[in-house]
Amino acid sequence: MPIYTYQTIPKKKGQKPRVFEIQQKMSDEALKKDPKTGLPVKRIITGGSGAIFGGLSVMAMNRVKKR
């Protein structure tokens, strides 16, 4: 299950938002309120952690070299 990051939407000016993470199913609806404080929240979009490899691929190494 993925972990989603949420941020509270402060009601008072100058109040700092609280950022928290929660594990949810992808099919679950996004939270509307912070379970701890009850303040309204918005989901924060974060980047994934995909691996990028450089160099020759396994398929390229299996090709017969032309001379």
PDB file of N, CA and C in Angstrom:
ATOM      1  N   MET A   1       0.842  -1.180   0.000  1.00  0.00           N
ATOM      2  CA  MET A   1       0.000   0.000   0.000  1.00  0.00           C
ATOM      3  C   MET A   1       0.892   1.250   0.000  1.00  0.00           C
ATOM      4  N   PRO A   2       0.508   2.241  -0.785  1.00  0.00           N
ATOM      5  CA  PRO A   2       1.308   3.467  -0.842  1.00  0.00           C
ATOM      6  C   PRO A   2       1.117   4.335   0.407  1.00  0.00           C
ATOM      7  N   ILE A   3       2.094   5.174   0.633  1.00  0.00           N
ATOM      8  CA  ILE A   3       2.033   6.135   1.735  1.00  0.00           C
ATOM      9  C   ILE A   3       1.774   7.507   1.133  1.00  0.00           C
ATOM     10  N   TYR A   4       0.730   8.172   1.599  1.00  0.00           N
ATOM     11  CA  TYR A   4       0.356   9.490   1.102  1.00  0.00           C
ATOM     12  C   TYR A   4       0.728  10.561   2.114  1.00  0.00           C
ATOM     13  N   THR A   5       1.148  11.722   1.608  1.00  0.00           N
ATOM     14  CA  THR A   5       1.509  12.854   2.448  1.00  0.00           C
ATOM     15  C   THR A   5       0.373  13.869   2.409  1.00  0.00           C
ATOM     16  N   TYR A   6      -0.029  14.326   3.575  1.00  0.00           N
ATOM     17  CA  TYR A   6      -1.096  15.329   3.698  1.00  0.00           C
ATOM     18  C   TYR A   6      -0.580  16.535   4.459  1.00  0.00           C
ATOM     19  N   GLN A   7      -1.236  17.678   4.235  1.00  0.00           N
ATOM     20  CA  GLN A   7      -0.899  18.914   4.937  1.00  0.00           C
ATOM     21  C   GLN A   7      -2.196  19.570   5.386  1.00  0.00           C
ATOM     22  N   THR A   8      -2.230  19.988   6.648  1.00  0.00           N
ATOM     23  CA  THR A   8      -3.427  20.650   7.156  1.00  0.00           C
ATOM     24  C   THR A   8      -3.536  22.054   6.555  1.00  0.00           C
ATOM     25  N   ILE A   9      -4.759  22.526   6.451  1.00  0.00           N
ATOM     26  CA  ILE A   9      -5.036  23.881   5.980  1.00  0.00           C
ATOM     27  C   ILE A   9      -5.385  24.702   7.223  1.00  0.00           C
ATOM     28  N   PRO A  10      -4.466  25.566   7.663  1.00  0.00           N
ATOM     29  CA  PRO A  10      -4.705  26.333   8.896  1.00  0.00           C
ATOM     30  C   PRO A  10      -5.913  27.259   8.772  1.00  0.00           C
ATOM     31  N   LYS A  11      -6.645  27.399   9.873  1.00  0.00           N
ATOM     32  CA  LYS A  11      -7.806  28.290   9.894  1.00  0.00           C
ATOM     33  C   LYS A  11      -7.406  29.713  10.257  1.00  0.00           C
ATOM     34  N   LYS A  12      -6.363  29.852  11.072  1.00  0.00           N
ATOM     35  CA  LYS A  12      -5.925  31.175  11.522  1.00  0.00           C
ATOM     36  C   LYS A  12      -4.686  31.608  10.755  1.00  0.00           C
ATOM     37  N   LYS A  13      -4.592  32.900  10.477  1.00  0.00           N
ATOM     38  CA  LYS A  13      -3.440  33.442   9.787  1.00  0.00           C
ATOM     39  C   LYS A  13      -2.209  33.314  10.690  1.00  0.00           C
ATOM     40  N   GLY A  14      -1.083  32.877  10.124  1.00  0.00           N
ATOM     41  CA  GLY A  14       0.144  32.712  10.893  1.00  0.00           C
ATOM     42  C   GLY A  14       0.299  31.342  11.518  1.00  0.00           C
ATOM     43  N   GLN A  15      -0.757  30.539  11.504  1.00  0.00           N
ATOM     44  CA  GLN A  15      -0.693  29.195  12.068  1.00  0.00           C
ATOM     45  C   GLN A  15       0.053  28.284  11.080  1.00  0.00           C
ATOM     46  N   LYS A  16       0.983  27.481  11.585  1.00  0.00           N
ATOM     47  CA  LYS A  16       1.764  26.605  10.716  1.00  0.00           C
ATOM     48  C   LYS A  16       0.968  25.343  10.386  1.00  0.00           C
ATOM     49  N   PRO A  17       1.041  24.908   9.121  1.00  0.00           N
ATOM     50  CA  PRO A  17       0.364  23.659   8.762  1.00  0.00           C
ATOM     51  C   PRO A  17       1.124  22.455   9.299  1.00  0.00           C
ATOM     52  N   ARG A  18       0.397  21.399   9.593  1.00  0.00           N
ATOM     53  CA  ARG A  18       0.994  20.150  10.055  1.00  0.00           C
ATOM     54  C   ARG A  18       1.080  19.196   8.866  1.00  0.00           C
ATOM     55  N   VAL A  19       2.245  18.634   8.640  1.00  0.00           N
ATOM     56  CA  VAL A  19       2.447  17.668   7.556  1.00  0.00           C
ATOM     57  C   VAL A  19       2.544  16.280   8.179  1.00  0.00           C
ATOM     58  N   PHE A  20       1.790  15.327   7.604  1.00  0.00           N
ATOM     59  CA  PHE A  20       1.829  13.956   8.119  1.00  0.00           C
ATOM     60  C   PHE A  20       1.653  12.971   6.970  1.00  0.00           C
ATOM     61  N   GLU A  21       2.074  11.740   7.206  1.00  0.00           N
ATOM     62  CA  GLU A  21       1.960  10.671   6.219  1.00  0.00           C
ATOM     63  C   GLU A  21       1.021   9.605   6.749  1.00  0.00           C
ATOM     64  N   ILE A  22       0.296   8.985   5.816  1.00  0.00           N
ATOM     65  CA  ILE A  22      -0.625   7.917   6.203  1.00  0.00           C
ATOM     66  C   ILE A  22      -0.634   6.859   5.098  1.00  0.00           C
ATOM     67  N   GLN A  23      -0.690   5.604   5.499  1.00  0.00           N
ATOM     68  CA  GLN A  23      -0.715   4.507   4.542  1.00  0.00           C
ATOM     69  C   GLN A  23      -2.172   4.210   4.193  1.00  0.00           C
ATOM     70  N   GLN A  24      -2.482   4.240   2.887  1.00  0.00           N
ATOM     71  CA  GLN A  24      -3.845   3.996   2.419  1.00  0.00           C
ATOM     72  C   GLN A  24      -3.803   3.131   1.169  1.00  0.00           C
ATOM     73  N   LYS A  25      -4.914   2.477   0.889  1.00  0.00           N
ATOM     74  CA  LYS A  25      -5.057   1.768  -0.377  1.00  0.00           C
ATOM     75  C   LYS A  25      -5.250   2.805  -1.482  1.00  0.00           C
ATOM     76  N   MET A  26      -4.870   2.440  -2.698  1.00  0.00           N
ATOM     77  CA  MET A  26      -5.056   3.359  -3.820  1.00  0.00           C
ATOM     78  C   MET A  26      -6.536   3.598  -4.089  1.00  0.00           C
ATOM     79  N   SER A  27      -7.374   2.635  -3.736  1.00  0.00           N
ATOM     80  CA  SER A  27      -8.812   2.759  -3.966  1.00  0.00           C
ATOM     81  C   SER A  27      -9.513   3.589  -2.892  1.00  0.00           C
ATOM     82  N   ASP A  28      -8.829   3.870  -1.768  1.00  0.00           N
ATOM     83  CA  ASP A  28      -9.428   4.687  -0.700  1.00  0.00           C
ATOM     84  C   ASP A  28      -9.559   6.139  -1.144  1.00  0.00           C
ATOM     85  N   GLU A  29     -10.582   6.802  -0.667  1.00  0.00           N
ATOM     86  CA  GLU A  29     -10.748   8.225  -0.948  1.00  0.00           C
ATOM     87  C   GLU A  29      -9.718   9.026  -0.162  1.00  0.00           C
ATOM     88  N   ALA A  30      -9.352  10.188  -0.699  1.00  0.00           N
ATOM     89  CA  ALA A  30      -8.413  11.073  -0.006  1.00  0.00           C
ATOM     90  C   ALA A  30      -9.057  11.577   1.284  1.00  0.00           C
ATOM     91  N   LEU A  31      -8.223  11.784   2.307  1.00  0.00           N
ATOM     92  CA  LEU A  31      -8.732  12.307   3.579  1.00  0.00           C
ATOM     93  C   LEU A  31      -9.243  13.725   3.396  1.00  0.00           C
ATOM     94  N   LYS A  32     -10.241  14.092   4.168  1.00  0.00           N
ATOM     95  CA  LYS A  32     -10.766  15.455   4.152  1.00  0.00           C
ATOM     96  C   LYS A  32     -10.393  16.203   5.427  1.00  0.00           C
ATOM     97  N   LYS A  33     -10.165  15.423   6.518  1.00  0.00           N
ATOM     98  CA  LYS A  33      -9.802  16.012   7.813  1.00  0.00           C
ATOM     99  C   LYS A  33      -8.624  15.255   8.410  1.00  0.00           C
ATOM    100  N   ASP A  34      -7.825  15.984   9.164  1.00  0.00           N
ATOM    101  CA  ASP A  34      -6.702  15.393   9.891  1.00  0.00           C
ATOM    102  C   ASP A  34      -7.269  14.531  11.016  1.00  0.00           C
ATOM    103  N   PRO A  35      -6.893  13.249  11.072  1.00  0.00           N
ATOM    104  CA  PRO A  35      -7.426  12.386  12.133  1.00  0.00           C
ATOM    105  C   PRO A  35      -7.009  12.834  13.535  1.00  0.00           C
ATOM    106  N   LYS A  36      -5.906  13.559  13.647  1.00  0.00           N
ATOM    107  CA  LYS A  36      -5.408  13.992  14.963  1.00  0.00           C
ATOM    108  C   LYS A  36      -6.043  15.306  15.422  1.00  0.00           C
ATOM    109  N   THR A  37      -6.136  16.296  14.514  1.00  0.00           N
ATOM    110  CA  THR A  37      -6.604  17.628  14.914  1.00  0.00           C
ATOM    111  C   THR A  37      -7.998  17.970  14.411  1.00  0.00           C
ATOM    112  N   GLY A  38      -8.469  17.282  13.375  1.00  0.00           N
ATOM    113  CA  GLY A  38      -9.780  17.574  12.819  1.00  0.00           C
ATOM    114  C   GLY A  38      -9.776  18.723  11.813  1.00  0.00           C
ATOM    115  N   LEU A  39      -8.598  19.312  11.557  1.00  0.00           N
ATOM    116  CA  LEU A  39      -8.502  20.402  10.576  1.00  0.00           C
ATOM    117  C   LEU A  39      -8.635  19.851   9.160  1.00  0.00           C
ATOM    118  N   PRO A  40      -9.133  20.666   8.220  1.00  0.00           N
ATOM    119  CA  PRO A  40      -9.186  20.206   6.832  1.00  0.00           C
ATOM    120  C   PRO A  40      -7.774  19.994   6.280  1.00  0.00           C
ATOM    121  N   VAL A  41      -7.627  19.045   5.356  1.00  0.00           N
ATOM    122  CA  VAL A  41      -6.320  18.709   4.802  1.00  0.00           C
ATOM    123  C   VAL A  41      -6.360  18.687   3.280  1.00  0.00           C
ATOM    124  N   LYS A  42      -5.151  18.766   2.693  1.00  0.00           N
ATOM    125  CA  LYS A  42      -4.994  18.556   1.259  1.00  0.00           C
ATOM    126  C   LYS A  42      -3.862  17.559   1.069  1.00  0.00           C
ATOM    127  N   ARG A  43      -3.973  16.757   0.004  1.00  0.00           N
ATOM    128  CA  ARG A  43      -2.946  15.758  -0.290  1.00  0.00           C
ATOM    129  C   ARG A  43      -1.800  16.442  -1.031  1.00  0.00           C
ATOM    130  N   ILE A  44      -0.578  16.132  -0.610  1.00  0.00           N
ATOM    131  CA  ILE A  44       0.619  16.697  -1.226  1.00  0.00           C
ATOM    132  C   ILE A  44       1.144  15.677  -2.236  1.00  0.00           C
ATOM    133  N   ILE A  45       1.400  16.137  -3.453  1.00  0.00           N
ATOM    134  CA  ILE A  45       1.952  15.264  -4.486  1.00  0.00           C
ATOM    135  C   ILE A  45       3.467  15.225  -4.328  1.00  0.00           C
ATOM    136  N   THR A  46       4.011  14.022  -4.192  1.00  0.00           N
ATOM    137  CA  THR A  46       5.459  13.856  -4.058  1.00  0.00           C
ATOM    138  C   THR A  46       5.956  12.952  -5.182  1.00  0.00           C
ATOM    139  N   GLY A  47       7.246  13.020  -5.460  1.00  0.00           N
ATOM    140  CA  GLY A  47       7.838  12.204  -6.518  1.00  0.00           C
ATOM    141  C   GLY A  47       8.004  10.767  -6.094  1.00  0.00           C
ATOM    142  N   GLY A  48       8.061   9.894  -7.070  1.00  0.00           N
ATOM    143  CA  GLY A  48       8.268   8.476  -6.806  1.00  0.00           C
ATOM    144  C   GLY A  48       9.744   8.185  -6.622  1.00  0.00           C
ATOM    145  N   SER A  49      10.057   6.938  -6.431  1.00  0.00           N
ATOM    146  CA  SER A  49      11.452   6.545  -6.241  1.00  0.00           C
ATOM    147  C   SER A  49      11.829   5.478  -7.260  1.00  0.00           C
ATOM    148  N   GLY A  50      11.710   5.824  -8.529  1.00  0.00           N
ATOM    149  CA  GLY A  50      12.059   4.887  -9.594  1.00  0.00           C
ATOM    150  C   GLY A  50      13.565   4.836  -9.792  1.00  0.00           C
ATOM    151  N   ALA A  51      14.076   3.687 -10.201  1.00  0.00           N
ATOM    152  CA  ALA A  51      15.508   3.527 -10.436  1.00  0.00           C
ATOM    153  C   ALA A  51      15.810   3.794 -11.917  1.00  0.00           C
ATOM    154  N   ILE A  52      16.842   4.574 -12.183  1.00  0.00           N
ATOM    155  CA  ILE A  52      17.269   4.865 -13.543  1.00  0.00           C
ATOM    156  C   ILE A  52      18.693   4.360 -13.685  1.00  0.00           C
ATOM    157  N   PHE A  53      18.889   3.469 -14.646  1.00  0.00           N
ATOM    158  CA  PHE A  53      20.202   2.893 -14.863  1.00  0.00           C
ATOM    159  C   PHE A  53      20.774   3.412 -16.170  1.00  0.00           C
ATOM    160  N   GLY A  54      22.060   3.676 -16.195  1.00  0.00           N
ATOM    161  CA  GLY A  54      22.718   4.125 -17.413  1.00  0.00           C
ATOM    162  C   GLY A  54      23.557   3.007 -17.998  1.00  0.00           C
ATOM    163  N   GLY A  55      24.002   3.202 -19.216  1.00  0.00           N
ATOM    164  CA  GLY A  55      24.865   2.204 -19.840  1.00  0.00           C
ATOM    165  C   GLY A  55      24.080   1.245 -20.696  1.00  0.00           C
ATOM    166  N   LEU A  56      24.741   0.134 -21.068  1.00  0.00           N
ATOM    167  CA  LEU A  56      24.120  -0.861 -21.933  1.00  0.00           C
ATOM    168  C   LEU A  56      23.048  -1.647 -21.199  1.00  0.00           C
ATOM    169  N   SER A  57      21.999  -1.967 -21.926  1.00  0.00           N
ATOM    170  CA  SER A  57      20.959  -2.809 -21.350  1.00  0.00           C
ATOM    171  C   SER A  57      21.327  -4.264 -21.562  1.00  0.00           C
ATOM    172  N   VAL A  58      20.643  -5.151 -20.902  1.00  0.00           N
ATOM    173  CA  VAL A  58      20.891  -6.580 -21.050  1.00  0.00           C
ATOM    174  C   VAL A  58      20.599  -6.987 -22.491  1.00  0.00           C
ATOM    175  N   MET A  59      19.565  -6.418 -23.089  1.00  0.00           N
ATOM    176  CA  MET A  59      19.210  -6.755 -24.472  1.00  0.00           C
ATOM    177  C   MET A  59      20.309  -6.323 -25.429  1.00  0.00           C
ATOM    178  N   ALA A  60      20.924  -5.169 -25.207  1.00  0.00           N
ATOM    179  CA  ALA A  60      21.976  -4.672 -26.084  1.00  0.00           C
ATOM    180  C   ALA A  60      23.219  -5.546 -25.984  1.00  0.00           C
ATOM    181  N   MET A  61      23.490  -6.103 -24.834  1.00  0.00           N
ATOM    182  CA  MET A  61      24.677  -6.939 -24.653  1.00  0.00           C
ATOM    183  C   MET A  61      24.511  -8.302 -25.334  1.00  0.00           C
ATOM    184  N   ASN A  62      23.277  -8.729 -25.589  1.00  0.00           N
ATOM    185  CA  ASN A  62      23.038 -10.024 -26.214  1.00  0.00           C
ATOM    186  C   ASN A  62      23.061  -9.963 -27.740  1.00  0.00           C
ATOM    187  N   ARG A  63      23.145  -8.794 -28.334  1.00  0.00           N
ATOM    188  CA  ARG A  63      23.138  -8.657 -29.784  1.00  0.00           C
ATOM    189  C   ARG A  63      24.492  -9.077 -30.363  1.00  0.00           C
ATOM    190  N   VAL A  64      24.420  -9.635 -31.559  1.00  0.00           N
ATOM    191  CA  VAL A  64      25.639  -9.988 -32.275  1.00  0.00           C
ATOM    192  C   VAL A  64      26.204  -8.723 -32.898  1.00  0.00           C
ATOM    193  N   LYS A  65      27.479  -8.462 -32.669  1.00  0.00           N
ATOM    194  CA  LYS A  65      28.114  -7.267 -33.205  1.00  0.00           C
ATOM    195  C   LYS A  65      28.449  -7.461 -34.672  1.00  0.00           C
ATOM    196  N   LYS A  66      28.094  -6.478 -35.497  1.00  0.00           N
ATOM    197  CA  LYS A  66      28.398  -6.524 -36.927  1.00  0.00           C
ATOM    198  C   LYS A  66      29.788  -5.931 -37.153  1.00  0.00           C
ATOM    199  N   ARG A  67      30.553  -6.535 -38.069  1.00  0.00           N
ATOM    200  CA  ARG A  67      31.896  -6.030 -38.362  1.00  0.00           C
ATOM    201  C   ARG A  67      31.950  -5.415 -39.707  1.00  0.00           C
TER     202      ARG A  67
END
